[in-house]
Protein backbone atom coordinates (compact mmCIF):
# COMPACT_ATOMS: atom_id res chain seq x y z
CA MET A 1 119.14 93.94 92.63
CA SER A 2 118.46 90.84 90.31
CA GLN A 3 117.74 91.58 86.65
CA VAL A 4 115.91 88.34 85.80
CA PRO A 5 112.23 89.46 85.78
CA ASN A 6 109.09 87.38 86.77
CA ILE A 7 107.15 86.41 83.49
CA HIS A 8 103.75 85.35 83.49
CA PRO A 9 102.80 84.13 79.79
CA PHE A 10 99.18 84.06 78.69
CA HIS A 11 98.24 82.47 75.32
CA HIS A 12 95.29 83.68 73.03
CA ALA A 13 94.19 80.54 71.01
CA GLY A 14 92.21 82.18 68.82
CA SER A 15 94.90 84.52 67.57
CA GLY A 16 98.13 82.41 68.83
CA THR A 17 99.08 85.42 70.50
CA TRP A 18 101.40 85.59 73.82
CA SER A 19 100.58 88.22 76.02
CA TYR A 20 103.10 88.67 79.02
CA LEU A 21 102.74 90.39 82.43
CA VAL A 22 106.54 91.29 83.60
CA GLU A 23 107.30 92.24 87.05
CA ASP A 24 109.74 92.51 89.74
CA GLY A 25 107.83 91.73 93.12
CA HIS A 26 106.58 95.37 92.99
CA GLU A 27 105.78 96.81 89.62
CA ALA A 28 104.86 95.41 86.30
CA ALA A 29 104.55 95.91 82.53
CA VAL A 30 101.67 94.31 80.40
CA ILE A 31 102.69 93.46 77.13
CA ASP A 32 100.52 92.92 73.85
CA PRO A 33 97.27 92.34 75.64
CA VAL A 34 94.32 90.86 73.68
CA PHE A 35 90.45 91.11 73.30
CA ASP A 36 88.44 88.41 71.58
CA PHE A 37 86.59 89.91 68.70
CA ASP A 38 83.42 88.58 66.96
CA ALA A 39 83.48 90.12 63.77
CA GLU A 40 79.97 89.15 62.78
CA THR A 41 78.41 90.65 65.71
CA ALA A 42 80.98 93.21 66.58
CA THR A 43 81.37 92.06 70.00
CA LEU A 44 84.48 92.50 71.95
CA ARG A 45 85.02 90.09 75.05
CA ASP A 46 87.66 90.63 77.93
CA THR A 47 88.16 86.75 78.62
CA PRO A 48 91.64 86.84 77.44
CA VAL A 49 92.68 89.65 79.66
CA ARG A 50 90.70 88.75 83.07
CA GLY A 51 93.12 86.16 84.12
CA LEU A 52 96.28 88.56 83.51
CA ALA A 53 94.61 91.30 85.46
CA GLU A 54 93.77 89.12 88.35
CA ARG A 55 97.36 87.73 88.42
CA LEU A 56 98.53 91.35 88.47
CA SER A 57 96.17 92.07 91.55
CA ALA A 58 96.67 89.09 93.40
CA ARG A 59 100.36 89.69 93.49
CA GLY A 60 99.79 93.28 94.74
CA LEU A 61 101.68 94.79 91.55
CA GLN A 62 101.55 98.29 90.59
CA LEU A 63 101.10 98.54 86.85
CA ARG A 64 103.85 101.13 85.45
CA TRP A 65 103.61 100.28 81.60
CA ILE A 66 101.11 98.91 78.93
CA LEU A 67 103.39 97.95 76.08
CA GLU A 68 102.74 97.21 72.65
CA THR A 69 105.33 95.69 70.39
CA HIS A 70 103.52 96.98 66.93
CA ALA A 71 99.79 97.60 65.76
CA HIS A 72 98.77 94.24 65.34
CA ALA A 73 96.64 92.99 62.41
CA ASP A 74 95.37 89.83 63.74
CA HIS A 75 93.77 90.91 66.95
CA VAL A 76 92.30 93.73 68.63
CA SER A 77 94.78 95.16 71.49
CA ALA A 78 93.00 95.30 75.06
CA ALA A 79 95.35 98.15 76.05
CA GLN A 80 92.53 100.78 76.56
CA TRP A 81 90.96 98.08 78.92
CA PHE A 82 93.92 98.21 80.96
CA LYS A 83 94.36 101.81 80.67
CA ARG A 84 90.83 102.41 82.21
CA ARG A 85 91.57 100.25 85.01
CA TRP A 86 95.22 101.36 85.57
CA PRO A 87 95.18 104.92 84.51
CA GLN A 88 98.44 105.82 86.00
CA ALA A 89 100.08 103.22 83.73
CA THR A 90 101.72 104.45 80.56
CA LEU A 91 100.67 103.39 77.15
CA ALA A 92 103.55 102.94 74.97
CA ILE A 93 104.80 101.82 71.36
CA GLY A 94 107.50 102.16 69.28
CA ALA A 95 107.63 105.66 67.36
CA GLY A 96 107.27 104.08 63.86
CA ILE A 97 103.66 103.83 64.92
CA ARG A 98 103.60 107.23 63.02
CA ALA A 99 104.32 105.83 59.68
CA VAL A 100 101.98 102.82 59.89
CA ARG A 101 99.12 105.02 61.08
CA ALA A 102 99.83 107.37 58.18
CA ARG A 103 99.92 104.51 55.77
CA PHE A 104 96.60 102.73 56.76
CA ALA A 105 94.56 105.60 57.87
CA PRO A 106 93.03 106.73 54.77
CA GLN A 107 91.28 103.54 54.22
CA PHE A 108 89.50 103.94 57.56
CA GLY A 109 88.54 107.72 56.77
CA LEU A 110 91.01 108.84 59.45
CA THR A 111 93.78 111.51 59.32
CA ALA A 112 97.67 110.65 59.71
CA ASP A 113 97.82 111.38 63.38
CA GLY A 114 94.32 112.14 64.47
CA GLY A 115 95.39 115.53 65.56
CA ASP A 116 97.76 114.06 68.11
CA ALA A 117 101.52 113.38 67.54
CA ARG A 118 101.47 110.34 69.68
CA CYS A 119 98.73 108.59 67.69
CA GLY A 120 96.83 108.41 70.94
CA PHE A 121 99.63 106.75 73.03
CA ASP A 122 101.07 108.36 76.21
CA HIS A 123 104.62 107.69 74.94
CA LEU A 124 106.33 106.70 71.62
CA PHE A 125 109.73 104.99 72.22
CA ALA A 126 112.98 105.72 70.29
CA ASP A 127 115.04 103.01 69.33
CA GLY A 128 117.57 102.37 72.23
CA GLU A 129 115.59 104.44 74.61
CA ARG A 130 115.95 103.03 78.05
CA PHE A 131 113.32 102.77 80.83
CA ALA A 132 112.79 100.89 84.19
CA ILE A 133 109.77 98.57 85.49
CA GLY A 134 110.78 99.07 89.21
CA ALA A 135 114.36 97.45 89.71
CA LEU A 136 114.25 96.00 86.31
CA GLN A 137 116.16 97.96 83.72
CA ALA A 138 114.56 97.80 80.13
CA GLN A 139 115.72 98.93 76.41
CA VAL A 140 113.82 99.22 73.04
CA ILE A 141 115.03 97.86 70.11
CA ALA A 142 113.46 98.93 66.71
CA VAL A 143 113.06 95.59 64.68
CA PRO A 144 111.34 96.74 61.67
CA GLY A 145 110.46 94.17 58.79
CA HIS A 146 107.10 92.72 59.28
CA THR A 147 105.68 96.20 60.17
CA GLU A 148 107.67 99.73 60.11
CA ASP A 149 106.87 99.99 64.02
CA ASN A 150 107.72 96.70 65.34
CA VAL A 151 109.84 96.97 68.49
CA ALA A 152 111.57 94.47 70.77
CA TYR A 153 111.72 95.19 74.60
CA LEU A 154 114.74 93.97 76.29
CA ILE A 155 113.86 93.73 80.03
CA GLY A 156 116.70 92.29 82.37
CA ASP A 157 117.70 89.03 80.71
CA ALA A 158 114.30 88.62 78.41
CA LEU A 159 113.83 89.80 75.04
CA PHE A 160 110.06 90.19 74.19
CA CYS A 161 110.57 90.33 70.27
CA GLY A 162 107.27 91.21 69.04
CA ASP A 163 106.52 89.80 65.59
CA SER A 164 110.16 89.28 64.47
CA LEU A 165 111.17 85.75 65.45
CA PHE A 166 108.99 83.06 66.29
CA MET A 167 109.64 79.75 68.01
CA PRO A 168 112.79 78.22 65.91
CA ASP A 169 110.62 75.56 64.24
CA SER A 170 108.23 78.31 63.10
CA GLY A 171 110.79 80.68 61.72
CA THR A 172 110.10 84.44 61.32
CA ALA A 173 107.02 86.80 60.75
CA ARG A 174 105.56 87.50 57.67
CA CYS A 175 106.81 90.70 55.76
CA ASP A 176 103.91 91.28 52.91
CA PHE A 177 101.88 93.81 54.98
CA PRO A 178 101.98 97.22 53.51
CA GLY A 179 105.32 98.93 54.83
CA GLY A 180 106.88 95.20 55.41
CA ASP A 181 110.06 94.41 53.99
CA ALA A 182 112.23 90.80 54.13
CA ALA A 183 115.60 92.25 54.12
CA THR A 184 114.80 94.90 56.62
CA LEU A 185 113.58 92.00 58.74
CA PHE A 186 116.66 89.87 58.15
CA ARG A 187 118.71 92.88 59.39
CA SER A 188 116.55 93.53 62.45
CA ILE A 189 117.05 89.99 63.48
CA HIS A 190 120.66 90.22 63.14
CA ARG A 191 120.56 92.93 65.66
CA LEU A 192 119.00 90.71 68.25
CA TYR A 193 121.54 87.82 67.08
CA ALA A 194 123.94 90.12 68.55
CA LEU A 195 122.72 89.83 72.16
CA PRO A 196 124.19 87.12 74.71
CA SER A 197 123.50 83.65 73.38
CA CYS A 198 121.82 83.07 77.10
CA THR A 199 119.16 85.85 76.42
CA ARG A 200 115.49 84.60 76.68
CA VAL A 201 113.48 85.11 73.94
CA PHE A 202 109.73 85.53 74.44
CA VAL A 203 107.93 85.37 71.05
CA CYS A 204 104.54 87.16 70.14
CA HIS A 205 102.61 84.34 68.61
CA ASP A 206 103.00 80.52 68.42
CA TYR A 207 100.53 78.21 66.71
CA GLY A 208 101.94 74.86 67.61
CA ALA A 209 103.64 73.68 64.80
CA SER A 210 103.37 70.17 63.81
CA GLY A 211 100.83 69.42 66.67
CA ARG A 212 103.28 70.34 69.38
CA THR A 213 102.03 72.09 72.49
CA VAL A 214 102.17 75.76 72.11
CA ALA A 215 105.54 77.56 73.31
CA CYS A 216 106.67 81.19 74.01
CA GLU A 217 110.36 80.82 74.91
CA ALA A 218 113.52 79.98 73.53
CA SER A 219 116.89 81.61 73.57
CA ILE A 220 119.11 83.71 71.08
CA GLY A 221 121.34 80.61 70.84
CA ALA A 222 118.92 78.43 70.13
CA GLN A 223 117.50 80.92 67.59
CA ARG A 224 120.51 81.30 65.86
CA ARG A 225 121.33 77.35 65.77
CA ASP A 226 117.81 76.01 64.95
CA ASN A 227 115.46 78.70 63.31
CA ILE A 228 114.27 77.17 60.10
CA HIS A 229 114.29 80.63 58.27
CA VAL A 230 117.22 82.62 59.56
CA ARG A 231 119.87 80.24 61.59
CA ASP A 232 123.56 81.10 61.40
CA GLY A 233 124.68 80.48 58.06
CA VAL A 234 121.52 81.73 56.29
CA GLY A 235 122.48 84.81 54.02
CA GLU A 236 120.02 87.89 53.55
CA ALA A 237 119.39 86.71 49.94
CA GLU A 238 118.51 83.36 50.89
CA PHE A 239 116.44 84.65 53.67
CA VAL A 240 114.41 87.01 51.40
CA ALA A 241 113.59 84.53 48.89
CA LEU A 242 112.38 82.15 51.42
CA ARG A 243 110.52 84.67 53.13
CA GLN A 244 108.87 85.96 50.17
CA ALA A 245 108.05 82.49 48.58
CA ARG A 246 106.38 81.85 51.86
CA ASP A 247 104.40 85.17 52.07
CA VAL A 248 102.54 84.73 48.69
CA THR A 249 101.13 81.55 49.94
CA LEU A 250 99.28 83.45 52.96
CA GLY A 251 96.06 85.32 52.98
CA PRO A 252 95.03 88.34 55.02
CA PRO A 253 94.46 87.73 58.88
CA ARG A 254 90.83 87.05 59.39
CA LEU A 255 90.38 90.25 61.73
CA MET A 256 92.66 92.54 59.73
CA GLN A 257 90.32 95.34 59.09
CA PRO A 258 89.24 95.72 62.76
CA SER A 259 92.40 94.95 64.37
CA VAL A 260 94.50 97.65 62.25
CA ARG A 261 91.44 100.34 62.72
CA ALA A 262 91.66 100.07 66.43
CA ASN A 263 95.38 99.30 67.02
CA ILE A 264 96.74 102.30 64.87
CA GLN A 265 94.62 104.55 67.42
CA ALA A 266 96.18 102.95 70.57
CA GLY A 267 93.79 100.18 70.93
CA ARG A 268 90.39 102.52 70.73
CA THR A 269 87.43 100.39 70.13
CA ASP A 270 84.51 102.67 70.26
CA GLU A 271 84.09 102.47 66.54
CA LEU A 272 83.81 98.59 66.88
CA HIS A 273 80.66 98.95 68.88
CA ALA A 274 80.17 96.90 71.75
CA ALA A 275 83.36 97.22 73.98
CA PRO A 276 83.51 95.69 77.21
CA ARG A 277 83.87 98.19 80.26
């Protein structure tokens, strides 16, 4: 059976986020689905996920997994939108979400775990854990650094790297959020660099550097050769200095407060008011 998944990328221009439908012709996973959120009116719109859901249904696929790479700080997750429509699907994230929720919960008046050891998710993945999407074999790789909970999903020959690597001309994810650490990200990326050079890498964000068309795919070989922050030959100290110098110039994401509040609760949006059904 082929271990080359069918991959359908969907780009959300408002946050620069890539969401993915990954399937083997029978079963599927959705990775990092996104809502539109208007902070002024506290209105959520499901426009970004409708195309993904329509593709899923049109291909007659069974949704088995709703996968988050981490608790995003720049957009509100649409994970619960999919969970309502496909209740049999398993909503999952890395086990590091416990640390992230405990870190952010007090500012929202929440308890460390909300009385649920899984923080509202159906399953928390351990580093190295294996799972399947139909005939496709998948493995979880913990890649903290941007956040404590960031994971990558290796599905067949494709790596969905979350907020670790960006496209080679855009470098890497920021490390200045609470719990982030540039040295940790460097080591996480080098775990990914140990994969075969032909491994396809699908990024979580792209903003069209220097006016180019947005893109979502490179390879491990291309990242090692061309990544402007962490190509072969760049050492940890050099990377940390570069990443820290860049991070001090960055402001917080525009939607950080509502995004983190929802996403540390498995995408619960009832506290954000007008959630689409």
